[in-house]
Amino acid sequence: MQRFSHFAFGLLFLLAVAACEGKKHIPERKLVKILAEMHLTDALLEETRLSAQLSWRPDSTAVYVAILDKYGYTTEQLYSTLTRYGASKSKSEKLYDKVCKQLEKQQSRARSRVEDLHSQQNRWTQEEEYTFSGSDNDTSRLPFSIPVEGLGEYILEANVALYGGDSATRPRMTMYLYAEAVDSVLLQVEQEVQHGEDGRDYSLAIANRDSAATHVRGYVFNRDSDSLDILPRHAAAKGIKLRFLPSDEDVTPQP
């Protein structure tokens, strides 16, 4: 968990020292939420600057004022409240710890929301874990066929391990869009899978922009036909998911 920005926290205290006292103070419960939100805003602005490779830093002051306004307080009240905490090292340290704990709670809630969203997006209907141990029957490429739900992006995810005994030629994950009316493959994508017993996370995405598509099909353990149904697989996959991200685009089907 990233600790509260020493720069931002120190700046607030420097401003507090210069402010006039005697203002209405912000209750600690609200103060902790305000400071945590300011820290997250500061981190977001910094990330935006770095990702955009900007030479200037967006001014966070206006955003801080907006945060205070949302909670019904002013900058003078914030400075006056922080002055009280700044006068006591133990009080300021306790406040610092409470802000960090608030940030940890927010991070946990955000992670939970992301996990819930991924679960809602998942369209995989088969088992999420498979192991092929090298028996004569372990020759499956693990095919799948799932009806499309409209335009959007379909993302196949899995953690795949290929053991030393696996002799499949050009092992890979394959996914394609299929049109049942014309018995045709509209679009196909593949992801090479590396040998390794520890397992690696793989992700394969395909965008459906054609309303003629009826199914998303493919193979989790695909390989060339020269090894198909000849040599058994020594492989495993877990956490298999097929996520669907719908699109709002109005796309005209290709002729």
Protein backbone atom coordinates (compact mmCIF):
# COMPACT_ATOMS: atom_id res chain seq x y z
CA MET A 1 0.00 0.00 0.00
CA GLN A 2 1.46 3.33 -1.07
CA ARG A 3 1.90 5.63 1.92
CA PHE A 4 0.41 9.12 2.05
CA SER A 5 2.41 11.61 -0.02
CA HIS A 6 4.94 13.32 2.27
CA PHE A 7 5.11 16.23 -0.14
CA ALA A 8 1.35 16.79 -0.24
CA PHE A 9 0.94 16.23 3.51
CA GLY A 10 3.82 18.54 4.37
CA LEU A 11 2.52 21.21 2.02
CA LEU A 12 -0.85 21.17 3.71
CA PHE A 13 0.80 21.63 7.11
CA LEU A 14 2.95 24.53 5.87
CA LEU A 15 -0.17 26.22 4.60
CA ALA A 16 -1.87 25.47 7.91
CA VAL A 17 0.84 27.23 9.93
CA ALA A 18 0.34 30.39 7.89
CA ALA A 19 -3.45 30.33 8.26
CA CYS A 20 -5.45 32.13 10.89
CA GLU A 21 -6.82 30.12 13.79
CA GLY A 22 -10.26 30.33 15.39
CA LYS A 23 -12.14 28.90 12.41
CA LYS A 24 -14.69 26.11 12.62
CA HIS A 25 -12.79 22.83 12.74
CA ILE A 26 -13.49 19.78 10.56
CA PRO A 27 -14.43 16.62 12.50
CA GLU A 28 -11.69 14.01 12.35
CA ARG A 29 -13.88 11.42 10.61
CA LYS A 30 -14.57 13.86 7.77
CA LEU A 31 -10.98 15.14 7.77
CA VAL A 32 -9.59 11.64 7.21
CA LYS A 33 -11.89 11.14 4.21
CA ILE A 34 -10.99 14.53 2.76
CA LEU A 35 -7.23 14.00 3.06
CA ALA A 36 -7.49 10.49 1.60
CA GLU A 37 -9.43 11.81 -1.39
CA MET A 38 -6.89 14.59 -1.89
CA HIS A 39 -4.07 12.05 -1.85
CA LEU A 40 -5.81 9.88 -4.46
CA THR A 41 -6.43 12.96 -6.61
CA ASP A 42 -2.79 13.97 -6.34
CA ALA A 43 -1.67 10.46 -7.37
CA LEU A 44 -4.10 10.43 -10.29
CA LEU A 45 -2.91 13.79 -11.58
CA GLU A 46 0.71 12.65 -11.33
CA GLU A 47 -0.07 9.42 -13.20
CA THR A 48 -1.88 11.41 -15.90
CA ARG A 49 1.14 13.70 -16.30
CA LEU A 50 3.56 10.78 -16.57
CA SER A 51 1.42 8.65 -18.90
CA ALA A 52 0.90 11.63 -21.22
CA GLN A 53 4.60 12.56 -20.95
CA LEU A 54 3.66 16.14 -20.10
CA SER A 55 6.32 18.63 -19.08
CA TRP A 56 3.87 20.40 -16.76
CA ARG A 57 1.91 19.13 -13.78
CA PRO A 58 -1.86 19.80 -13.76
CA ASP A 59 -2.77 22.16 -10.93
CA SER A 60 -4.40 20.17 -8.13
CA THR A 61 -5.38 23.24 -6.07
CA ALA A 62 -8.69 23.71 -7.87
CA VAL A 63 -9.47 20.04 -7.41
CA TYR A 64 -8.71 20.23 -3.68
CA VAL A 65 -11.15 23.15 -3.37
CA ALA A 66 -13.80 21.11 -5.17
CA ILE A 67 -13.27 18.19 -2.77
CA LEU A 68 -13.67 20.49 0.23
CA ASP A 69 -16.77 22.01 -1.30
CA LYS A 70 -18.27 18.54 -1.74
CA TYR A 71 -17.93 17.92 1.99
CA GLY A 72 -19.20 21.41 2.85
CA TYR A 73 -15.93 22.96 4.08
CA THR A 74 -13.54 25.71 3.04
CA THR A 75 -9.77 25.89 2.69
CA GLU A 76 -9.65 28.16 5.75
CA GLN A 77 -11.39 25.48 7.80
CA LEU A 78 -8.98 22.85 6.52
CA TYR A 79 -5.94 24.97 7.41
CA SER A 80 -7.32 25.78 10.84
CA THR A 81 -8.01 22.12 11.56
CA LEU A 82 -4.58 20.99 10.40
CA THR A 83 -2.94 23.65 12.55
CA ARG A 84 -4.31 21.92 15.62
CA TYR A 85 -2.88 18.58 14.52
CA GLY A 86 0.43 20.17 13.53
CA ALA A 87 0.93 21.45 17.05
CA SER A 88 1.18 17.88 18.34
CA LYS A 89 3.49 15.29 16.80
CA SER A 90 1.51 12.38 18.26
CA LYS A 91 -1.80 13.76 16.95
CA SER A 92 -0.39 14.35 13.46
CA GLU A 93 1.09 10.82 13.36
CA LYS A 94 -2.23 9.30 14.43
CA LEU A 95 -3.99 11.31 11.75
CA TYR A 96 -1.43 10.13 9.19
CA ASP A 97 -2.06 6.48 10.14
CA LYS A 98 -5.83 6.92 9.91
CA VAL A 99 -5.52 8.43 6.43
CA CYS A 100 -3.35 5.49 5.32
CA LYS A 101 -5.90 3.00 6.69
CA GLN A 102 -8.67 4.85 4.86
CA LEU A 103 -6.67 4.58 1.63
CA GLU A 104 -6.21 0.84 2.22
CA LYS A 105 -9.97 0.41 2.68
CA GLN A 106 -10.66 2.29 -0.54
CA GLN A 107 -8.11 0.18 -2.38
CA SER A 108 -9.73 -3.00 -1.05
CA ARG A 109 -13.19 -1.84 -2.12
CA ALA A 110 -11.90 -0.90 -5.58
CA ARG A 111 -10.26 -4.32 -5.97
CA SER A 112 -13.51 -6.01 -4.94
CA ARG A 113 -15.48 -3.99 -7.49
CA VAL A 114 -13.04 -4.95 -10.24
CA GLU A 115 -13.31 -8.63 -9.31
CA ASP A 116 -17.12 -8.41 -9.32
CA LEU A 117 -17.04 -6.73 -12.72
CA HIS A 118 -14.79 -9.44 -14.15
CA SER A 119 -17.12 -12.09 -12.77
CA GLN A 120 -20.13 -10.44 -14.40
CA GLN A 121 -18.29 -10.20 -17.72
CA ASN A 122 -17.24 -13.87 -17.75
CA ARG A 123 -19.03 -16.00 -20.37
CA TRP A 124 -16.96 -19.19 -20.03
CA THR A 125 -19.35 -22.16 -19.61
CA GLN A 126 -16.90 -25.08 -19.22
CA GLU A 127 -14.61 -26.12 -16.39
CA GLU A 128 -12.08 -23.44 -15.46
CA GLU A 129 -9.24 -25.88 -14.78
CA TYR A 130 -7.83 -28.77 -16.83
CA THR A 131 -4.82 -31.06 -16.49
CA PHE A 132 -3.43 -33.37 -19.17
CA SER A 133 -1.03 -35.83 -17.57
CA GLY A 134 0.16 -37.74 -20.63
CA SER A 135 -2.33 -40.62 -20.81
CA ASP A 136 -3.46 -41.95 -24.19
CA ASN A 137 -6.65 -39.92 -23.94
CA ASP A 138 -4.88 -36.64 -23.24
CA THR A 139 -4.98 -35.38 -26.82
CA SER A 140 -7.71 -32.76 -26.59
CA ARG A 141 -7.13 -29.24 -27.80
CA LEU A 142 -9.89 -28.13 -25.39
CA PRO A 143 -12.31 -26.63 -27.95
CA PHE A 144 -15.03 -24.17 -26.98
CA SER A 145 -18.00 -22.59 -28.75
CA ILE A 146 -19.99 -19.79 -27.12
CA PRO A 147 -22.81 -17.77 -28.73
CA VAL A 148 -21.97 -14.10 -29.23
CA GLU A 149 -23.99 -11.48 -27.39
CA GLY A 150 -23.46 -8.67 -29.82
CA LEU A 151 -20.77 -6.28 -30.91
CA GLY A 152 -17.83 -5.83 -28.59
CA GLU A 153 -14.58 -7.43 -27.48
CA TYR A 154 -14.17 -11.03 -26.35
CA ILE A 155 -11.11 -11.78 -24.22
CA LEU A 156 -9.87 -15.31 -23.52
CA GLU A 157 -7.73 -15.57 -20.38
CA ALA A 158 -5.94 -18.54 -18.80
CA ASN A 159 -2.86 -19.53 -16.86
CA VAL A 160 -1.21 -22.23 -18.98
CA ALA A 161 1.71 -24.56 -18.22
CA LEU A 162 3.38 -26.83 -20.78
CA TYR A 163 5.51 -29.51 -19.16
CA GLY A 164 8.73 -30.94 -20.55
CA GLY A 165 7.00 -34.02 -21.91
CA ASP A 166 4.59 -32.02 -24.03
CA SER A 167 5.55 -32.45 -27.68
CA ALA A 168 2.81 -30.45 -29.41
CA THR A 169 3.95 -28.63 -32.52
CA ARG A 170 3.55 -24.85 -32.31
CA PRO A 171 1.42 -24.78 -29.13
CA ARG A 172 -0.93 -21.82 -29.00
CA MET A 173 -4.32 -20.44 -27.97
CA THR A 174 -6.76 -19.83 -30.82
CA MET A 175 -9.99 -17.86 -30.98
CA TYR A 176 -12.20 -17.01 -33.95
CA LEU A 177 -15.55 -15.50 -34.88
CA TYR A 178 -17.88 -17.91 -36.64
CA ALA A 179 -20.96 -17.14 -38.78
CA GLU A 180 -23.37 -20.06 -38.67
CA ALA A 181 -25.54 -18.87 -41.60
CA VAL A 182 -22.65 -19.10 -44.05
CA ASP A 183 -20.57 -21.68 -42.16
CA SER A 184 -17.58 -19.37 -42.29
CA VAL A 185 -14.78 -18.05 -40.09
CA LEU A 186 -14.95 -14.24 -40.08
CA LEU A 187 -11.85 -13.42 -38.05
CA GLN A 188 -9.19 -15.45 -36.23
CA VAL A 189 -6.50 -14.56 -33.69
CA GLU A 190 -3.81 -16.68 -32.00
CA GLN A 191 -1.39 -16.43 -29.08
CA GLU A 192 1.77 -18.54 -28.90
CA VAL A 193 2.18 -20.51 -25.65
CA GLN A 194 5.67 -21.02 -24.22
CA HIS A 195 6.92 -24.21 -22.52
CA GLY A 196 7.24 -23.86 -18.78
CA GLU A 197 6.07 -25.85 -15.79
CA ASP A 198 5.35 -22.85 -13.57
CA GLY A 199 2.57 -21.57 -15.79
CA ARG A 200 2.11 -18.16 -17.37
CA ASP A 201 -0.88 -15.87 -17.75
CA TYR A 202 -2.10 -15.49 -21.32
CA SER A 203 -4.71 -13.17 -22.78
CA LEU A 204 -6.17 -13.28 -26.28
CA ALA A 205 -8.69 -10.69 -27.53
CA ILE A 206 -10.89 -10.54 -30.61
CA ALA A 207 -13.19 -7.65 -31.58
CA ASN A 208 -16.58 -8.49 -33.04
CA ARG A 209 -17.66 -5.68 -35.36
CA ASP A 210 -19.80 -7.85 -37.64
CA SER A 211 -23.41 -8.63 -36.75
CA ALA A 212 -23.21 -11.78 -38.89
CA ALA A 213 -21.06 -13.48 -36.24
CA THR A 214 -22.99 -16.05 -34.21
CA HIS A 215 -20.30 -17.75 -32.08
CA VAL A 216 -16.92 -17.21 -30.51
CA ARG A 217 -14.98 -20.44 -30.97
CA GLY A 218 -11.46 -21.68 -30.48
CA TYR A 219 -9.00 -23.89 -28.62
CA VAL A 220 -7.22 -23.33 -25.33
CA PHE A 221 -4.58 -26.00 -26.21
CA ASN A 222 -4.24 -25.68 -29.97
CA ARG A 223 -1.34 -27.17 -31.96
CA ASP A 224 -0.51 -28.13 -35.55
CA SER A 225 -2.22 -31.12 -37.11
CA ASP A 226 0.99 -33.18 -37.36
CA SER A 227 0.75 -33.82 -33.62
CA LEU A 228 -3.02 -33.96 -33.39
CA ASP A 229 -4.36 -37.23 -31.93
CA ILE A 230 -0.89 -38.79 -32.08
CA LEU A 231 1.02 -37.79 -28.96
CA PRO A 232 -0.64 -37.03 -25.61
CA ARG A 233 -0.47 -33.66 -23.95
CA HIS A 234 1.50 -32.83 -20.80
CA ALA A 235 -0.10 -29.52 -19.89
CA ALA A 236 -2.42 -27.71 -17.51
CA ALA A 237 -4.64 -24.65 -17.55
CA LYS A 238 -6.44 -22.86 -14.75
CA GLY A 239 -8.49 -19.72 -14.29
CA ILE A 240 -9.94 -19.99 -17.81
CA LYS A 241 -12.30 -17.12 -18.58
CA LEU A 242 -13.95 -15.59 -21.64
CA ARG A 243 -14.83 -12.00 -20.86
CA PHE A 244 -17.24 -9.94 -22.97
CA LEU A 245 -16.95 -6.16 -23.14
CA PRO A 246 -19.94 -4.83 -25.10
CA SER A 247 -19.50 -1.95 -27.51
CA ASP A 248 -21.88 0.95 -28.07
CA GLU A 249 -20.54 1.47 -31.57
CA ASP A 250 -23.02 1.44 -34.44
CA VAL A 251 -21.08 -0.75 -36.87
CA THR A 252 -22.40 -1.67 -40.28
CA PRO A 253 -21.81 -5.34 -41.15
CA GLN A 254 -19.23 -5.97 -43.84
CA PRO A 255 -20.66 -7.36 -47.13
